Each structure stands twice: as C-alpha cells, then as structure tokens.
N, C-alpha and C. Protein backbone atom coordinates (compact mmCIF):
# COMPACT_ATOMS: atom_id res chain seq x y z
N MET A 1 186.03 139.40 123.83
CA MET A 1 186.97 138.81 124.80
C MET A 1 187.28 140.30 125.76
N LYS A 2 187.30 141.60 124.89
CA LYS A 2 187.60 142.69 125.83
C LYS A 2 186.54 143.15 126.51
N TRP A 3 185.01 142.59 125.93
CA TRP A 3 183.82 142.97 126.85
C TRP A 3 183.88 141.92 128.13
N ALA A 4 184.41 140.81 127.96
CA ALA A 4 184.44 140.10 129.13
C ALA A 4 185.42 140.34 130.15
N GLU A 5 186.48 140.99 129.76
CA GLU A 5 187.34 141.41 130.78
C GLU A 5 186.96 142.73 131.27
N SER A 6 186.36 143.41 130.58
CA SER A 6 185.80 144.70 131.40
C SER A 6 184.52 144.52 132.05
N ASN A 7 183.95 143.52 131.78
CA ASN A 7 182.54 143.32 132.79
C ASN A 7 182.79 142.05 133.48
N LYS A 8 184.02 141.55 133.82
CA LYS A 8 184.17 140.25 134.52
C LYS A 8 183.54 140.10 136.26
N ALA A 9 183.88 141.46 136.80
CA ALA A 9 183.09 141.63 138.02
C ALA A 9 181.69 141.52 138.05
N LYS A 10 181.03 141.90 136.80
CA LYS A 10 179.57 142.08 136.69
C LYS A 10 178.93 140.57 136.46
N ILE A 11 179.68 139.91 135.77
CA ILE A 11 179.23 138.57 135.03
C ILE A 11 179.53 137.34 135.92
N VAL A 12 180.61 137.43 136.79
CA VAL A 12 181.21 136.52 137.58
C VAL A 12 181.04 136.54 139.09
N ALA A 13 180.62 135.63 139.67
CA ALA A 13 180.40 135.68 141.13
C ALA A 13 181.80 136.13 141.91
N PRO A 14 181.59 136.52 142.94
CA PRO A 14 182.89 136.90 144.03
C PRO A 14 183.38 135.55 144.02
N ASP A 15 184.95 135.43 143.66
CA ASP A 15 185.54 134.34 143.76
C ASP A 15 185.31 133.08 142.77
N GLY A 16 184.34 133.66 141.69
CA GLY A 16 183.94 132.55 140.82
C GLY A 16 184.89 132.47 139.55
N ASP A 17 184.77 131.86 138.57
CA ASP A 17 185.65 131.55 137.59
C ASP A 17 184.78 131.90 136.30
N LEU A 18 185.55 132.14 135.11
CA LEU A 18 185.00 132.47 134.00
C LEU A 18 185.84 131.41 132.90
N TYR A 19 184.91 130.66 132.26
CA TYR A 19 185.36 129.68 131.36
C TYR A 19 185.33 130.05 129.86
N LEU A 20 186.38 129.58 129.04
CA LEU A 20 186.10 129.73 127.76
C LEU A 20 185.62 128.54 127.08
N LEU A 21 184.42 128.54 126.61
CA LEU A 21 183.51 127.53 125.91
C LEU A 21 183.31 127.58 124.14
N GLY A 22 183.65 126.37 123.70
CA GLY A 22 183.50 126.30 122.45
C GLY A 22 183.00 125.10 121.74
N ARG A 23 182.03 124.97 121.03
CA ARG A 23 181.66 123.78 120.29
C ARG A 23 181.61 123.61 119.01
N SER A 24 182.17 122.65 118.17
CA SER A 24 182.36 122.51 116.83
C SER A 24 183.12 123.71 116.43
N LEU A 25 182.92 124.64 115.37
CA LEU A 25 183.68 125.71 114.88
C LEU A 25 184.07 126.56 116.12
N GLY A 26 183.07 126.50 117.11
CA GLY A 26 183.50 127.43 118.18
C GLY A 26 184.52 126.94 119.05
N GLY A 27 184.64 125.66 119.14
CA GLY A 27 185.97 124.97 119.75
C GLY A 27 187.28 125.47 119.15
N ALA A 28 187.13 125.61 117.81
CA ALA A 28 188.57 126.23 117.12
C ALA A 28 188.78 127.69 117.46
N VAL A 29 187.42 128.35 117.55
CA VAL A 29 187.59 129.67 118.06
C VAL A 29 188.12 129.85 119.45
N ALA A 30 187.56 129.03 120.24
CA ALA A 30 188.03 128.98 121.81
C ALA A 30 189.53 128.85 121.77
N THR A 31 189.92 127.85 120.97
CA THR A 31 191.39 127.29 121.00
C THR A 31 192.14 128.58 120.44
N PHE A 32 191.84 128.96 119.52
CA PHE A 32 192.64 130.27 119.22
C PHE A 32 192.54 131.49 120.14
N VAL A 33 191.52 131.85 120.67
CA VAL A 33 191.43 132.92 121.78
C VAL A 33 192.26 132.41 123.10
N ALA A 34 192.24 131.15 123.39
CA ALA A 34 193.13 130.81 124.61
C ALA A 34 194.55 130.85 124.34
N THR A 35 194.97 130.90 122.75
CA THR A 35 196.47 130.94 122.76
C THR A 35 196.77 132.28 122.09
N HIS A 36 195.73 133.17 121.90
CA HIS A 36 196.05 134.60 121.49
C HIS A 36 196.89 135.31 122.23
N PRO A 37 198.15 135.98 122.01
CA PRO A 37 198.71 136.66 122.59
C PRO A 37 198.03 138.11 123.40
N ASP A 38 196.82 138.50 122.79
CA ASP A 38 196.17 139.75 123.65
C ASP A 38 195.23 139.03 124.58
N THR A 39 195.11 137.64 124.68
CA THR A 39 194.22 137.36 125.77
C THR A 39 194.80 137.53 127.08
N PRO A 40 194.25 138.24 127.86
CA PRO A 40 194.80 138.30 129.32
C PRO A 40 195.04 136.96 129.88
N TYR A 41 196.26 136.62 130.66
CA TYR A 41 196.46 135.48 131.08
C TYR A 41 195.50 135.09 132.08
N ASP A 42 194.80 136.01 132.92
CA ASP A 42 194.13 135.63 134.06
C ASP A 42 192.48 135.89 133.89
N LEU A 43 192.23 136.01 132.62
CA LEU A 43 190.80 136.28 132.23
C LEU A 43 190.00 134.94 132.31
N PHE A 44 190.76 133.92 131.99
CA PHE A 44 189.77 132.53 132.00
C PHE A 44 190.58 131.72 133.02
N SER A 45 189.49 130.93 133.48
CA SER A 45 190.06 129.75 134.54
C SER A 45 190.56 128.62 133.62
N GLY A 46 189.75 128.35 132.64
CA GLY A 46 189.87 127.14 131.81
C GLY A 46 189.15 127.05 130.44
N VAL A 47 189.34 126.20 129.60
CA VAL A 47 188.87 126.14 128.40
C VAL A 47 188.02 124.77 128.16
N ILE A 48 186.67 124.75 127.73
CA ILE A 48 185.91 123.78 127.61
C ILE A 48 185.70 123.54 126.02
N ILE A 49 186.21 122.63 125.51
CA ILE A 49 186.02 122.54 124.04
C ILE A 49 185.24 121.14 123.78
N GLU A 50 183.97 121.27 122.89
CA GLU A 50 183.16 120.15 122.81
C GLU A 50 183.13 119.82 121.23
N ASN A 51 183.34 118.59 121.05
CA ASN A 51 183.35 118.25 119.36
C ASN A 51 183.72 119.23 118.38
N THR A 52 185.10 119.44 118.65
CA THR A 52 185.72 120.49 117.68
C THR A 52 186.37 119.61 116.83
N PHE A 53 187.08 120.10 115.74
CA PHE A 53 187.81 119.52 114.81
C PHE A 53 189.22 119.79 114.87
N THR A 54 190.10 119.16 114.22
CA THR A 54 191.45 119.27 114.13
C THR A 54 191.92 120.58 113.36
N SER A 55 191.20 120.72 112.13
CA SER A 55 191.43 121.97 111.19
C SER A 55 190.18 122.25 110.14
N ILE A 56 189.97 123.22 109.65
CA ILE A 56 189.22 123.40 108.54
C ILE A 56 189.54 122.76 107.62
N SER A 57 190.80 122.47 107.10
CA SER A 57 191.25 121.86 106.08
C SER A 57 191.10 120.45 106.22
N ASP A 58 191.15 119.81 107.32
CA ASP A 58 190.79 118.24 107.60
C ASP A 58 189.49 118.37 107.52
N MET A 59 188.51 119.14 107.84
CA MET A 59 186.79 119.13 107.53
C MET A 59 186.66 118.92 106.18
N ILE A 60 187.46 119.75 105.49
CA ILE A 60 186.83 119.90 104.04
C ILE A 60 187.41 118.63 103.44
N ASP A 61 188.45 118.05 103.64
CA ASP A 61 188.83 116.43 103.13
C ASP A 61 187.81 115.75 103.48
N LEU A 62 187.24 115.65 104.69
CA LEU A 62 186.23 114.83 105.22
C LEU A 62 184.85 114.83 104.67
N ILE A 63 184.40 116.12 104.25
CA ILE A 63 183.13 116.50 103.94
C ILE A 63 183.03 116.58 102.30
N PHE A 64 184.05 117.23 101.73
CA PHE A 64 184.15 117.18 100.06
C PHE A 64 185.02 116.27 99.47
N PHE A 65 184.93 115.94 98.20
CA PHE A 65 185.65 115.29 97.53
C PHE A 65 186.27 116.06 96.29
N PRO A 66 187.25 115.61 95.71
CA PRO A 66 187.74 116.34 94.62
C PRO A 66 186.79 116.57 93.77
N PRO A 67 186.59 117.58 92.92
CA PRO A 67 187.55 118.69 92.87
C PRO A 67 187.80 119.77 93.83
N ILE A 68 186.57 119.70 94.75
CA ILE A 68 186.55 120.83 95.63
C ILE A 68 187.47 120.73 96.49
N SER A 69 187.76 119.66 97.25
CA SER A 69 189.03 119.48 98.18
C SER A 69 190.28 119.78 97.60
N THR A 70 190.58 119.45 96.16
CA THR A 70 191.69 119.85 95.37
C THR A 70 192.05 121.37 95.92
N PHE A 71 190.97 122.29 95.63
CA PHE A 71 191.20 123.81 95.65
C PHE A 71 191.04 124.55 96.66
N LYS A 72 191.03 123.64 97.96
CA LYS A 72 190.67 124.32 99.34
C LYS A 72 191.83 125.40 99.65
N ASN A 73 193.18 125.13 99.21
CA ASN A 73 194.12 125.87 99.68
C ASN A 73 193.98 127.26 98.86
N LEU A 74 193.39 127.27 97.63
CA LEU A 74 193.03 128.74 97.14
C LEU A 74 192.10 129.47 97.97
N VAL A 75 191.15 128.88 98.63
CA VAL A 75 189.89 129.71 99.20
C VAL A 75 190.06 129.86 100.76
N LEU A 76 190.85 129.02 101.20
CA LEU A 76 190.93 129.16 102.78
C LEU A 76 191.86 130.17 103.17
N THR A 77 191.54 131.11 104.00
CA THR A 77 192.21 132.25 104.56
C THR A 77 192.41 132.07 105.83
N ILE A 78 191.70 131.22 106.64
CA ILE A 78 191.88 130.82 108.26
C ILE A 78 192.04 129.44 108.10
N SER A 79 193.03 129.05 109.00
CA SER A 79 193.20 127.32 108.91
C SER A 79 192.35 126.95 110.23
N TRP A 80 192.19 127.69 111.21
CA TRP A 80 191.45 127.02 112.33
C TRP A 80 192.12 125.87 112.74
N ASN A 81 193.40 125.92 112.82
CA ASN A 81 194.21 124.76 113.03
C ASN A 81 194.22 124.39 114.59
N SER A 82 193.21 123.75 115.27
CA SER A 82 193.29 123.47 116.69
C SER A 82 194.42 122.55 117.12
N LEU A 83 194.71 121.60 115.88
CA LEU A 83 195.73 120.44 116.50
C LEU A 83 197.20 121.18 116.92
N THR A 84 197.45 122.28 116.06
CA THR A 84 198.66 123.01 116.20
C THR A 84 198.80 124.13 117.30
N LEU A 85 197.46 124.38 117.75
CA LEU A 85 197.28 125.48 118.76
C LEU A 85 197.15 124.65 120.23
N MET A 86 196.49 123.67 120.09
CA MET A 86 196.23 122.79 121.31
C MET A 86 197.31 122.79 122.39
N PRO A 87 198.74 122.35 121.98
CA PRO A 87 199.86 122.29 123.11
C PRO A 87 200.20 123.59 123.59
N LEU A 88 199.55 124.89 122.98
CA LEU A 88 200.03 125.96 123.56
C LEU A 88 199.12 126.63 124.36
N ILE A 89 197.98 126.00 124.80
CA ILE A 89 197.13 126.30 125.77
C ILE A 89 197.74 126.06 126.99
N THR A 90 197.87 127.22 127.92
CA THR A 90 198.54 127.11 129.32
C THR A 90 197.35 127.05 130.48
N LEU A 91 196.10 127.05 129.85
CA LEU A 91 195.01 126.83 130.88
C LEU A 91 194.52 125.33 131.00
N PRO A 92 193.85 124.99 132.10
CA PRO A 92 193.29 123.60 132.04
C PRO A 92 192.24 123.53 131.06
N VAL A 93 192.16 122.35 130.35
CA VAL A 93 191.48 122.09 129.21
C VAL A 93 190.57 120.75 129.49
N LEU A 94 189.21 121.08 129.33
CA LEU A 94 188.23 119.77 129.24
C LEU A 94 187.91 119.65 127.93
N LEU A 95 188.17 118.50 127.10
CA LEU A 95 187.66 117.99 126.01
C LEU A 95 186.44 117.31 125.97
N VAL A 96 185.47 117.66 125.40
CA VAL A 96 184.38 116.94 125.51
C VAL A 96 184.11 116.23 123.92
N SER A 97 183.76 115.06 123.90
CA SER A 97 183.20 114.54 122.59
C SER A 97 182.22 113.59 122.73
N GLY A 98 181.58 113.23 121.58
CA GLY A 98 180.49 112.34 121.53
C GLY A 98 180.48 111.63 120.30
N ASP A 99 180.06 110.30 120.38
CA ASP A 99 180.14 109.48 119.01
C ASP A 99 178.87 109.60 118.30
N GLN A 100 177.97 110.52 118.72
CA GLN A 100 176.72 110.73 117.90
C GLN A 100 176.71 112.19 116.93
N ASP A 101 177.68 112.77 117.05
CA ASP A 101 177.97 114.01 116.23
C ASP A 101 177.48 113.74 115.00
N GLU A 102 176.92 114.52 114.05
CA GLU A 102 176.62 114.27 112.77
C GLU A 102 177.55 114.86 111.73
N LEU A 103 178.33 115.86 112.13
CA LEU A 103 179.33 116.55 111.39
C LEU A 103 180.82 116.02 111.79
N VAL A 104 181.22 116.40 112.75
CA VAL A 104 182.59 116.07 113.19
C VAL A 104 182.77 114.62 113.95
N PRO A 105 183.54 113.97 113.40
CA PRO A 105 183.94 112.62 113.70
C PRO A 105 184.56 112.71 115.06
N ASN A 106 184.35 111.90 115.71
CA ASN A 106 184.98 111.51 117.29
C ASN A 106 186.38 111.65 117.20
N TYR A 107 187.03 111.07 116.23
CA TYR A 107 188.57 111.07 116.27
C TYR A 107 189.22 112.43 115.93
N MET A 108 188.34 113.27 115.44
CA MET A 108 189.11 114.67 115.28
C MET A 108 189.08 115.49 116.35
N THR A 109 188.41 115.15 117.57
CA THR A 109 188.52 116.05 118.71
C THR A 109 189.83 115.94 119.19
N THR A 110 190.35 117.38 119.22
CA THR A 110 191.86 117.39 119.57
C THR A 110 192.02 116.90 121.13
C-alpha cells in the first residue's frame, strides 16, 4: 500500500485510476486494506473482489470436518472476515463471482 501511494504518479496514467483487486484469499486482503484506517482515502478509486469468501472460519467449516473444524478457534489468529468488513468499505465495489470455482462456493461471495 505504501509503495502504491508513493509511486502512484509513475504507475497510473494522468487522470487515471488505481483499483484494489483481490481474488479468493486476496479478496479478503483487499477488503481488509480497503477498510484499514491507514489506507489513504484517495489512493484507490474502487475495489474489485473476485470469488472471495465470507471468512476463513466459514471456509474451514466448509472444507474440513470435525475434529479439525472443532479446533479452528485455537489456531486461527486472523479471521479475514469479509462479511463484517464489507459494509465499512466507502469506495465503489465490484463483486465478481463464478459458479465454476472449485474451492469457494458462489454463495460466499460477499
């Protein structure tokens, strides 16, 4: 983020836009960056999120079965909870989802 901020004039055409893009786990990261208080409000023109998930916890419930999913709260240190953060994004958001994703189900795209 700091690199993009200090190099925006070099990487974006005059009067151009810089978008924050994330796919799958990257979508959760993009959602986090878009809502982080240290992100300059005018750095990005919008957020594009492709086939991300509601949270890591939800993905564990989907992929793993007990006993692994039972102990998830003991090992998860970052929740990557896009469902909670999404309403806090003040930028325009484009959500892209496909029904052929082999890992993240379509219904999880926030």
